[in-house]
Amino acid sequence: MNIRIDGTEAEIAYAIAKLRQSLAIGQISPYLPIYDRPRTWRVFVNTAPKPTPSRWTA
């Protein structure tokens, strides 16, 4: 899943921390400036569901 996050650096860091609690983060793009709004950045995050722990059976 590809997620786009827009906001200040603090808002983006907070959103990524919250996403990491429930999803596995695969890749985070570099911060891209949004020129229409000052001090606002755009980041793309590639995610996948966290793998469930499998039980090893003999």
PDB file of N, CA and C in Angstrom:
ATOM      1  N   MET A   1       0.852  -1.149   0.000  1.00  0.00           N
ATOM      2  CA  MET A   1       0.000   0.000   0.000  1.00  0.00           C
ATOM      3  C   MET A   1       0.912   1.229   0.000  1.00  0.00           C
ATOM      4  N   ASN A   2       0.572   2.216  -0.785  1.00  0.00           N
ATOM      5  CA  ASN A   2       1.337   3.449  -0.871  1.00  0.00           C
ATOM      6  C   ASN A   2       0.544   4.552  -0.180  1.00  0.00           C
ATOM      7  N   ILE A   3       1.147   5.191   0.830  1.00  0.00           N
ATOM      8  CA  ILE A   3       0.470   6.227   1.609  1.00  0.00           C
ATOM      9  C   ILE A   3       1.206   7.540   1.400  1.00  0.00           C
ATOM     10  N   ARG A   4       0.459   8.611   1.144  1.00  0.00           N
ATOM     11  CA  ARG A   4       1.036   9.944   1.017  1.00  0.00           C
ATOM     12  C   ARG A   4       0.729  10.727   2.283  1.00  0.00           C
ATOM     13  N   ILE A   5       1.771  11.347   2.862  1.00  0.00           N
ATOM     14  CA  ILE A   5       1.605  12.153   4.066  1.00  0.00           C
ATOM     15  C   ILE A   5       2.093  13.558   3.754  1.00  0.00           C
ATOM     16  N   ASP A   6       1.237  14.566   4.004  1.00  0.00           N
ATOM     17  CA  ASP A   6       1.597  15.970   3.844  1.00  0.00           C
ATOM     18  C   ASP A   6       1.595  16.621   5.223  1.00  0.00           C
ATOM     19  N   GLY A   7       2.584  17.483   5.481  1.00  0.00           N
ATOM     20  CA  GLY A   7       2.599  18.204   6.742  1.00  0.00           C
ATOM     21  C   GLY A   7       3.977  18.722   7.068  1.00  0.00           C
ATOM     22  N   THR A   8       4.110  19.252   8.275  1.00  0.00           N
ATOM     23  CA  THR A   8       5.412  19.721   8.734  1.00  0.00           C
ATOM     24  C   THR A   8       6.265  18.511   9.093  1.00  0.00           C
ATOM     25  N   GLU A   9       7.539  18.753   9.374  1.00  0.00           N
ATOM     26  CA  GLU A   9       8.424  17.628   9.713  1.00  0.00           C
ATOM     27  C   GLU A   9       7.939  16.898  10.955  1.00  0.00           C
ATOM     28  N   ALA A  10       7.461  17.634  11.955  1.00  0.00           N
ATOM     29  CA  ALA A  10       6.978  17.007  13.186  1.00  0.00           C
ATOM     30  C   ALA A  10       5.724  16.167  12.934  1.00  0.00           C
ATOM     31  N   GLU A  11       4.810  16.677  12.120  1.00  0.00           N
ATOM     32  CA  GLU A  11       3.585  15.930  11.817  1.00  0.00           C
ATOM     33  C   GLU A  11       3.891  14.653  11.045  1.00  0.00           C
ATOM     34  N   ILE A  12       4.837  14.735  10.120  1.00  0.00           N
ATOM     35  CA  ILE A  12       5.208  13.552   9.342  1.00  0.00           C
ATOM     36  C   ILE A  12       5.870  12.514  10.232  1.00  0.00           C
ATOM     37  N   ALA A  13       6.774  12.952  11.109  1.00  0.00           N
ATOM     38  CA  ALA A  13       7.444  12.020  12.018  1.00  0.00           C
ATOM     39  C   ALA A  13       6.437  11.332  12.938  1.00  0.00           C
ATOM     40  N   TYR A  14       5.463  12.087  13.439  1.00  0.00           N
ATOM     41  CA  TYR A  14       4.436  11.517  14.304  1.00  0.00           C
ATOM     42  C   TYR A  14       3.577  10.504  13.551  1.00  0.00           C
ATOM     43  N   ALA A  15       3.186  10.830  12.325  1.00  0.00           N
ATOM     44  CA  ALA A  15       2.354   9.927  11.533  1.00  0.00           C
ATOM     45  C   ALA A  15       3.106   8.636  11.205  1.00  0.00           C
ATOM     46  N   ILE A  16       4.378   8.735  10.876  1.00  0.00           N
ATOM     47  CA  ILE A  16       5.164   7.535  10.565  1.00  0.00           C
ATOM     48  C   ILE A  16       5.331   6.670  11.811  1.00  0.00           C
ATOM     49  N   ALA A  17       5.530   7.301  12.975  1.00  0.00           N
ATOM     50  CA  ALA A  17       5.643   6.533  14.225  1.00  0.00           C
ATOM     51  C   ALA A  17       4.352   5.781  14.511  1.00  0.00           C
ATOM     52  N   LYS A  18       3.206   6.412  14.265  1.00  0.00           N
ATOM     53  CA  LYS A  18       1.916   5.744  14.483  1.00  0.00           C
ATOM     54  C   LYS A  18       1.704   4.612  13.472  1.00  0.00           C
ATOM     55  N   LEU A  19       2.125   4.820  12.215  1.00  0.00           N
ATOM     56  CA  LEU A  19       1.983   3.768  11.211  1.00  0.00           C
ATOM     57  C   LEU A  19       2.834   2.553  11.553  1.00  0.00           C
ATOM     58  N   ARG A  20       4.024   2.788  12.097  1.00  0.00           N
ATOM     59  CA  ARG A  20       4.928   1.679  12.430  1.00  0.00           C
ATOM     60  C   ARG A  20       4.357   0.778  13.516  1.00  0.00           C
ATOM     61  N   GLN A  21       3.421   1.278  14.316  1.00  0.00           N
ATOM     62  CA  GLN A  21       2.814   0.464  15.358  1.00  0.00           C
ATOM     63  C   GLN A  21       1.926  -0.628  14.785  1.00  0.00           C
ATOM     64  N   SER A  22       1.339  -0.395  13.613  1.00  0.00           N
ATOM     65  CA  SER A  22       0.399  -1.367  13.080  1.00  0.00           C
ATOM     66  C   SER A  22       0.804  -1.934  11.722  1.00  0.00           C
ATOM     67  N   LEU A  23       1.704  -1.261  10.996  1.00  0.00           N
ATOM     68  CA  LEU A  23       2.104  -1.732   9.676  1.00  0.00           C
ATOM     69  C   LEU A  23       3.618  -1.820   9.573  1.00  0.00           C
ATOM     70  N   ALA A  24       4.080  -2.720   8.734  1.00  0.00           N
ATOM     71  CA  ALA A  24       5.507  -2.807   8.450  1.00  0.00           C
ATOM     72  C   ALA A  24       5.835  -1.778   7.369  1.00  0.00           C
ATOM     73  N   ILE A  25       6.781  -0.915   7.651  1.00  0.00           N
ATOM     74  CA  ILE A  25       7.181   0.130   6.704  1.00  0.00           C
ATOM     75  C   ILE A  25       8.247  -0.442   5.791  1.00  0.00           C
ATOM     76  N   GLY A  26       7.995  -0.419   4.484  1.00  0.00           N
ATOM     77  CA  GLY A  26       8.961  -0.934   3.533  1.00  0.00           C
ATOM     78  C   GLY A  26       9.938   0.123   3.076  1.00  0.00           C
ATOM     79  N   GLN A  27       9.433   1.302   2.696  1.00  0.00           N
ATOM     80  CA  GLN A  27      10.292   2.345   2.163  1.00  0.00           C
ATOM     81  C   GLN A  27       9.650   3.705   2.422  1.00  0.00           C
ATOM     82  N   ILE A  28      10.494   4.699   2.729  1.00  0.00           N
ATOM     83  CA  ILE A  28      10.036   6.072   2.914  1.00  0.00           C
ATOM     84  C   ILE A  28      10.788   6.934   1.914  1.00  0.00           C
ATOM     85  N   SER A  29      10.045   7.706   1.119  1.00  0.00           N
ATOM     86  CA  SER A  29      10.671   8.563   0.114  1.00  0.00           C
ATOM     87  C   SER A  29      11.349   9.751   0.794  1.00  0.00           C
ATOM     88  N   PRO A  30      12.244  10.433   0.080  1.00  0.00           N
ATOM     89  CA  PRO A  30      12.809  11.660   0.644  1.00  0.00           C
ATOM     90  C   PRO A  30      11.718  12.722   0.821  1.00  0.00           C
ATOM     91  N   TYR A  31      11.950  13.662   1.735  1.00  0.00           N
ATOM     92  CA  TYR A  31      11.000  14.748   1.935  1.00  0.00           C
ATOM     93  C   TYR A  31      10.969  15.616   0.684  1.00  0.00           C
ATOM     94  N   LEU A  32       9.785  15.827   0.140  1.00  0.00           N
ATOM     95  CA  LEU A  32       9.608  16.668  -1.042  1.00  0.00           C
ATOM     96  C   LEU A  32       8.891  17.941  -0.625  1.00  0.00           C
ATOM     97  N   PRO A  33       9.443  19.113  -0.927  1.00  0.00           N
ATOM     98  CA  PRO A  33       8.768  20.353  -0.508  1.00  0.00           C
ATOM     99  C   PRO A  33       7.502  20.601  -1.314  1.00  0.00           C
ATOM    100  N   ILE A  34       6.497  21.159  -0.668  1.00  0.00           N
ATOM    101  CA  ILE A  34       5.286  21.605  -1.343  1.00  0.00           C
ATOM    102  C   ILE A  34       5.440  23.120  -1.470  1.00  0.00           C
ATOM    103  N   TYR A  35       5.617  23.604  -2.679  1.00  0.00           N
ATOM    104  CA  TYR A  35       5.985  24.997  -2.891  1.00  0.00           C
ATOM    105  C   TYR A  35       4.849  25.974  -2.632  1.00  0.00           C
ATOM    106  N   ASP A  36       3.605  25.521  -2.688  1.00  0.00           N
ATOM    107  CA  ASP A  36       2.467  26.414  -2.458  1.00  0.00           C
ATOM    108  C   ASP A  36       2.308  26.769  -0.980  1.00  0.00           C
ATOM    109  N   ARG A  37       2.811  25.896  -0.093  1.00  0.00           N
ATOM    110  CA  ARG A  37       2.636  26.097   1.346  1.00  0.00           C
ATOM    111  C   ARG A  37       4.009  26.116   2.017  1.00  0.00           C
ATOM    112  N   PRO A  38       4.305  27.111   2.835  1.00  0.00           N
ATOM    113  CA  PRO A  38       5.616  27.186   3.481  1.00  0.00           C
ATOM    114  C   PRO A  38       5.773  26.130   4.572  1.00  0.00           C
ATOM    115  N   ARG A  39       6.987  25.625   4.709  1.00  0.00           N
ATOM    116  CA  ARG A  39       7.356  24.637   5.741  1.00  0.00           C
ATOM    117  C   ARG A  39       6.477  23.397   5.709  1.00  0.00           C
ATOM    118  N   THR A  40       6.030  23.013   4.532  1.00  0.00           N
ATOM    119  CA  THR A  40       5.189  21.824   4.375  1.00  0.00           C
ATOM    120  C   THR A  40       5.886  20.872   3.420  1.00  0.00           C
ATOM    121  N   TRP A  41       5.857  19.609   3.784  1.00  0.00           N
ATOM    122  CA  TRP A  41       6.564  18.583   3.025  1.00  0.00           C
ATOM    123  C   TRP A  41       5.602  17.469   2.645  1.00  0.00           C
ATOM    124  N   ARG A  42       5.995  16.672   1.661  1.00  0.00           N
ATOM    125  CA  ARG A  42       5.224  15.508   1.229  1.00  0.00           C
ATOM    126  C   ARG A  42       6.146  14.297   1.258  1.00  0.00           C
ATOM    127  N   VAL A  43       5.633  13.198   1.795  1.00  0.00           N
ATOM    128  CA  VAL A  43       6.392  11.951   1.902  1.00  0.00           C
ATOM    129  C   VAL A  43       5.493  10.815   1.440  1.00  0.00           C
ATOM    130  N   PHE A  44       6.065   9.876   0.712  1.00  0.00           N
ATOM    131  CA  PHE A  44       5.351   8.666   0.319  1.00  0.00           C
ATOM    132  C   PHE A  44       5.920   7.494   1.106  1.00  0.00           C
ATOM    133  N   VAL A  45       5.035   6.674   1.674  1.00  0.00           N
ATOM    134  CA  VAL A  45       5.431   5.541   2.498  1.00  0.00           C
ATOM    135  C   VAL A  45       4.852   4.281   1.881  1.00  0.00           C
ATOM    136  N   ASN A  46       5.706   3.298   1.598  1.00  0.00           N
ATOM    137  CA  ASN A  46       5.247   1.996   1.128  1.00  0.00           C
ATOM    138  C   ASN A  46       5.124   1.078   2.333  1.00  0.00           C
ATOM    139  N   THR A  47       3.955   0.487   2.508  1.00  0.00           N
ATOM    140  CA  THR A  47       3.707  -0.346   3.682  1.00  0.00           C
ATOM    141  C   THR A  47       3.168  -1.709   3.274  1.00  0.00           C
ATOM    142  N   ALA A  48       3.195  -2.583   4.216  1.00  0.00           N
ATOM    143  CA  ALA A  48       2.587  -3.911   4.082  1.00  0.00           C
ATOM    144  C   ALA A  48       2.114  -4.319   5.474  1.00  0.00           C
ATOM    145  N   PRO A  49       1.124  -5.177   5.592  1.00  0.00           N
ATOM    146  CA  PRO A  49       0.705  -5.618   6.927  1.00  0.00           C
ATOM    147  C   PRO A  49       1.850  -6.326   7.642  1.00  0.00           C
ATOM    148  N   LYS A  50       1.908  -6.162   8.954  1.00  0.00           N
ATOM    149  CA  LYS A  50       2.945  -6.841   9.719  1.00  0.00           C
ATOM    150  C   LYS A  50       2.710  -8.341   9.643  1.00  0.00           C
ATOM    151  N   PRO A  51       3.769  -9.109   9.428  1.00  0.00           N
ATOM    152  CA  PRO A  51       3.576 -10.557   9.376  1.00  0.00           C
ATOM    153  C   PRO A  51       3.171 -11.089  10.751  1.00  0.00           C
ATOM    154  N   THR A  52       2.215 -11.977  10.734  1.00  0.00           N
ATOM    155  CA  THR A  52       1.793 -12.574  12.000  1.00  0.00           C
ATOM    156  C   THR A  52       2.805 -13.634  12.396  1.00  0.00           C
ATOM    157  N   PRO A  53       3.111 -13.741  13.673  1.00  0.00           N
ATOM    158  CA  PRO A  53       4.074 -14.758  14.083  1.00  0.00           C
ATOM    159  C   PRO A  53       3.488 -16.144  13.847  1.00  0.00           C
ATOM    160  N   SER A  54       4.235 -16.949  13.143  1.00  0.00           N
ATOM    161  CA  SER A  54       3.754 -18.311  12.882  1.00  0.00           C
ATOM    162  C   SER A  54       4.282 -19.242  13.956  1.00  0.00           C
ATOM    163  N   ARG A  55       3.499 -20.208  14.277  1.00  0.00           N
ATOM    164  CA  ARG A  55       3.891 -21.163  15.308  1.00  0.00           C
ATOM    165  C   ARG A  55       4.627 -22.321  14.644  1.00  0.00           C
ATOM    166  N   TRP A  56       5.797 -22.610  15.153  1.00  0.00           N
ATOM    167  CA  TRP A  56       6.572 -23.723  14.625  1.00  0.00           C
ATOM    168  C   TRP A  56       6.061 -25.003  15.251  1.00  0.00           C
ATOM    169  N   THR A  57       5.734 -25.968  14.424  1.00  0.00           N
ATOM    170  CA  THR A  57       5.258 -27.263  14.932  1.00  0.00           C
ATOM    171  C   THR A  57       6.176 -28.354  14.447  1.00  0.00           C
ATOM    172  N   ALA A  58       6.373 -29.329  15.263  1.00  0.00           N
ATOM    173  CA  ALA A  58       7.256 -30.450  14.900  1.00  0.00           C
ATOM    174  C   ALA A  58       6.476 -31.577  14.294  1.00  0.00           C
TER     175      ALA A  58
END
